[in-house]
C-alpha atoms as a PDB file:
ATOM      1  CA  MET A   1      90.108  98.276 120.751  1.00  0.00           C
ATOM      2  CA  ASN A   2      92.246  95.293 121.695  1.00  0.00           C
ATOM      3  CA  GLN A   3      89.938  94.317 124.552  1.00  0.00           C
ATOM      4  CA  GLU A   4      86.972  94.841 122.242  1.00  0.00           C
ATOM      5  CA  LEU A   5      88.554  92.482 119.695  1.00  0.00           C
ATOM      6  CA  LYS A   6      89.253  89.861 122.346  1.00  0.00           C
ATOM      7  CA  ASN A   7      85.753  90.087 123.807  1.00  0.00           C
ATOM      8  CA  ASN A   8      84.154  89.650 120.404  1.00  0.00           C
ATOM      9  CA  LEU A   9      86.486  86.841 119.377  1.00  0.00           C
ATOM     10  CA  PHE A  10      86.274  84.943 122.649  1.00  0.00           C
ATOM     11  CA  TYR A  11      82.651  85.442 123.711  1.00  0.00           C
ATOM     12  CA  SER A  12      80.526  86.121 120.638  1.00  0.00           C
ATOM     13  CA  GLU A  13      78.327  83.448 119.129  1.00  0.00           C
ATOM     14  CA  LYS A  14      79.154  84.884 115.693  1.00  0.00           C
ATOM     15  CA  PRO A  15      82.507  86.704 115.866  1.00  0.00           C
ATOM     16  CA  SER A  16      82.540  87.343 112.111  1.00  0.00           C
ATOM     17  CA  ASP A  17      79.989  90.129 112.664  1.00  0.00           C
ATOM     18  CA  TYR A  18      82.561  92.116 114.622  1.00  0.00           C
ATOM     19  CA  PHE A  19      85.337  91.519 112.091  1.00  0.00           C
ATOM     20  CA  LEU A  20      83.032  92.572 109.245  1.00  0.00           C
ATOM     21  CA  TYR A  21      82.273  95.714 111.246  1.00  0.00           C
ATOM     22  CA  LEU A  22      86.019  96.371 111.556  1.00  0.00           C
ATOM     23  CA  GLN A  23      86.365  95.958 107.796  1.00  0.00           C
ATOM     24  CA  LYS A  24      83.396  98.169 106.893  1.00  0.00           C
ATOM     25  CA  SER A  25      84.376 100.912 109.340  1.00  0.00           C
ATOM     26  CA  GLY A  26      88.018 100.908 108.233  1.00  0.00           C
ATOM     27  CA  ARG A  27      89.138  99.997 111.745  1.00  0.00           C
ATOM     28  CA  ILE A  28      90.610  96.744 110.409  1.00  0.00           C
ATOM     29  CA  SER A  29      93.625  98.821 109.374  1.00  0.00           C
ATOM     30  CA  TYR A  30      94.647  98.835 113.030  1.00  0.00           C
ATOM     31  CA  TYR A  31      95.365  95.108 112.517  1.00  0.00           C
ATOM     32  CA  PRO A  32      97.395  94.955 109.287  1.00  0.00           C
ATOM     33  CA  GLU A  33      98.110  91.264 109.892  1.00  0.00           C
ATOM     34  CA  LEU A  34      94.369  90.681 109.417  1.00  0.00           C
ATOM     35  CA  SER A  35      93.647  93.368 106.822  1.00  0.00           C
ATOM     36  CA  HIS A  36      96.055  91.693 104.382  1.00  0.00           C
ATOM     37  CA  LEU A  37      93.782  88.634 104.418  1.00  0.00           C
ATOM     38  CA  ILE A  38      91.028  90.654 102.731  1.00  0.00           C
ATOM     39  CA  ILE A  39      92.858  90.916  99.408  1.00  0.00           C
ATOM     40  CA  THR A  40      94.539  87.514  99.427  1.00  0.00           C
ATOM     41  CA  PRO A  41      92.897  85.097  96.970  1.00  0.00           C
ATOM     42  CA  GLN A  42      92.549  81.359  97.362  1.00  0.00           C
ATOM     43  CA  ASP A  43      92.043  78.569  94.891  1.00  0.00           C
ATOM     44  CA  PRO A  44      88.278  78.360  94.278  1.00  0.00           C
ATOM     45  CA  ALA A  45      88.511  74.586  93.880  1.00  0.00           C
ATOM     46  CA  TRP A  46      89.373  74.333  97.584  1.00  0.00           C
ATOM     47  CA  HIS A  47      87.873  77.595  98.861  1.00  0.00           C
ATOM     48  CA  PRO A  48      84.773  78.583  96.883  1.00  0.00           C
ATOM     49  CA  GLU A  49      83.975  81.138  99.604  1.00  0.00           C
ATOM     50  CA  GLY A  50      86.650  83.400  98.159  1.00  0.00           C
ATOM     51  CA  SER A  51      89.496  85.257  99.808  1.00  0.00           C
ATOM     52  CA  VAL A  52      91.456  84.194 102.862  1.00  0.00           C
ATOM     53  CA  TRP A  53      89.438  86.805 104.765  1.00  0.00           C
ATOM     54  CA  HIS A  54      86.092  85.231 103.876  1.00  0.00           C
ATOM     55  CA  HIS A  55      87.478  81.811 104.714  1.00  0.00           C
ATOM     56  CA  THR A  56      88.735  83.071 108.083  1.00  0.00           C
ATOM     57  CA  LEU A  57      85.342  84.594 108.922  1.00  0.00           C
ATOM     58  CA  LEU A  58      83.668  81.242 108.263  1.00  0.00           C
ATOM     59  CA  VAL A  59      86.280  79.428 110.352  1.00  0.00           C
ATOM     60  CA  ILE A  60      85.897  81.679 113.403  1.00  0.00           C
ATOM     61  CA  ASP A  61      82.113  81.299 113.369  1.00  0.00           C
ATOM     62  CA  VAL A  62      82.370  77.510 113.292  1.00  0.00           C
ATOM     63  CA  ALA A  63      85.095  77.612 115.948  1.00  0.00           C
ATOM     64  CA  ALA A  64      82.864  79.749 118.184  1.00  0.00           C
ATOM     65  CA  GLN A  65      80.326  76.940 118.196  1.00  0.00           C
ATOM     66  CA  LEU A  66      82.841  74.108 118.619  1.00  0.00           C
ATOM     67  CA  LYS A  67      84.767  75.802 121.455  1.00  0.00           C
ATOM     68  CA  LYS A  68      81.855  75.031 123.781  1.00  0.00           C
ATOM     69  CA  SER A  69      83.170  71.480 124.061  1.00  0.00           C
ATOM     70  CA  ILE A  70      86.462  72.756 125.553  1.00  0.00           C
ATOM     71  CA  ASP A  71      86.357  72.973 129.343  1.00  0.00           C
ATOM     72  CA  SER A  72      89.188  75.411 129.987  1.00  0.00           C
ATOM     73  CA  GLN A  73      88.498  79.058 129.178  1.00  0.00           C
ATOM     74  CA  PHE A  74      92.207  79.594 128.534  1.00  0.00           C
ATOM     75  CA  GLU A  75      92.206  76.748 125.986  1.00  0.00           C
ATOM     76  CA  GLN A  76      89.058  78.200 124.388  1.00  0.00           C
ATOM     77  CA  HIS A  77      90.907  81.477 123.937  1.00  0.00           C
ATOM     78  CA  ILE A  78      93.898  79.723 122.363  1.00  0.00           C
ATOM     79  CA  TYR A  79      91.501  77.812 120.108  1.00  0.00           C
ATOM     80  CA  MET A  80      89.806  81.009 118.917  1.00  0.00           C
ATOM     81  CA  LEU A  81      93.109  82.825 118.367  1.00  0.00           C
ATOM     82  CA  SER A  82      94.282  79.816 116.365  1.00  0.00           C
ATOM     83  CA  ALA A  83      91.144  79.861 114.247  1.00  0.00           C
ATOM     84  CA  LEU A  84      91.558  83.579 113.563  1.00  0.00           C
ATOM     85  CA  THR A  85      95.234  83.388 112.666  1.00  0.00           C
ATOM     86  CA  HIS A  86      95.579  79.950 111.066  1.00  0.00           C
ATOM     87  CA  ASP A  87      96.162  81.468 107.585  1.00  0.00           C
ATOM     88  CA  ILE A  88      97.907  84.676 108.663  1.00  0.00           C
ATOM     89  CA  GLY A  89     100.934  83.766 106.535  1.00  0.00           C
ATOM     90  CA  LYS A  90      99.050  83.414 103.249  1.00  0.00           C
ATOM     91  CA  PRO A  91      99.402  87.069 102.206  1.00  0.00           C
ATOM     92  CA  TYR A  92     103.186  86.585 102.222  1.00  0.00           C
ATOM     93  CA  THR A  93     103.275  83.325 100.284  1.00  0.00           C
ATOM     94  CA  THR A  94     100.350  83.356  97.839  1.00  0.00           C
ATOM     95  CA  PHE A  95     101.068  83.286  94.114  1.00  0.00           C
ATOM     96  CA  PHE A  96      99.359  82.073  90.951  1.00  0.00           C
ATOM     97  CA  ALA A  97     101.032  79.227  89.065  1.00  0.00           C
ATOM     98  CA  ASP A  98      99.863  76.501  86.713  1.00  0.00           C
ATOM     99  CA  GLY A  99      96.316  77.859  86.785  1.00  0.00           C
ATOM    100  CA  ARG A 100      95.955  77.789  90.595  1.00  0.00           C
ATOM    101  CA  TRP A 101      96.505  79.960  93.638  1.00  0.00           C
ATOM    102  CA  ARG A 102      99.128  78.458  95.937  1.00  0.00           C
ATOM    103  CA  SER A 103     100.463  79.355  99.388  1.00  0.00           C
ATOM    104  CA  PRO A 104     103.269  76.935 100.217  1.00  0.00           C
ATOM    105  CA  GLY A 105     104.858  77.324 103.615  1.00  0.00           C
ATOM    106  CA  HIS A 106     102.287  79.832 104.834  1.00  0.00           C
ATOM    107  CA  ASP A 107     102.242  78.205 108.265  1.00  0.00           C
ATOM    108  CA  SER A 108     105.890  78.852 109.099  1.00  0.00           C
ATOM    109  CA  ILE A 109     106.217  82.067 107.063  1.00  0.00           C
ATOM    110  CA  GLY A 110     103.268  83.429 109.050  1.00  0.00           C
ATOM    111  CA  LEU A 111     104.997  83.233 112.437  1.00  0.00           C
ATOM    112  CA  PRO A 112     106.339  86.826 112.390  1.00  0.00           C
ATOM    113  CA  ALA A 113     102.861  88.130 111.496  1.00  0.00           C
ATOM    114  CA  LEU A 114     101.376  85.993 114.263  1.00  0.00           C
ATOM    115  CA  PHE A 115     103.850  87.324 116.818  1.00  0.00           C
ATOM    116  CA  SER A 116     103.178  90.875 115.664  1.00  0.00           C
ATOM    117  CA  PHE A 117      99.430  90.374 115.967  1.00  0.00           C
ATOM    118  CA  LEU A 118      99.671  88.821 119.440  1.00  0.00           C
ATOM    119  CA  LYS A 119     101.831  91.709 120.601  1.00  0.00           C
ATOM    120  CA  ARG A 120      99.416  94.208 119.056  1.00  0.00           C
ATOM    121  CA  ILE A 121      96.457  92.750 120.969  1.00  0.00           C
ATOM    122  CA  GLY A 122      98.412  92.578 124.200  1.00  0.00           C
ATOM    123  CA  SER A 123      98.938  88.832 124.393  1.00  0.00           C
ATOM    124  CA  PRO A 124     102.710  88.453 124.002  1.00  0.00           C
ATOM    125  CA  ASP A 125     102.722  85.904 126.836  1.00  0.00           C
ATOM    126  CA  LEU A 126     101.334  83.393 124.331  1.00  0.00           C
ATOM    127  CA  PHE A 127     104.710  83.413 122.503  1.00  0.00           C
ATOM    128  CA  ASP A 128     105.957  80.810 124.952  1.00  0.00           C
ATOM    129  CA  MET A 129     103.183  78.443 123.951  1.00  0.00           C
ATOM    130  CA  ILE A 130     104.011  78.467 120.240  1.00  0.00           C
END
């Protein structure tokens, strides 16, 4: 499934279709770092689309279109992985306070989840680039 995930993330015009398929089929559980995004809320003032998962699906579809301006295939892959995992730390930092959902420090707190995900998909060599 890892190669399937990479192929859909890197080469699809609309990668969210594949990730929605993973969710609907229950296969998303193979990627707990991503499945946690499904139930993580966001402040509707900033993210009216809903959960971190829905936000991430929108981001990867836009990124799939914008990556065409990047010449290097390797850099396109890094770009798409970054789009997919940019909020991977939010499930570990999100709380409700003063009437709003907040996720302070989700970027740095998310590094262990990012490393786990990269290892899971067979891309641990990217650790050196982070």
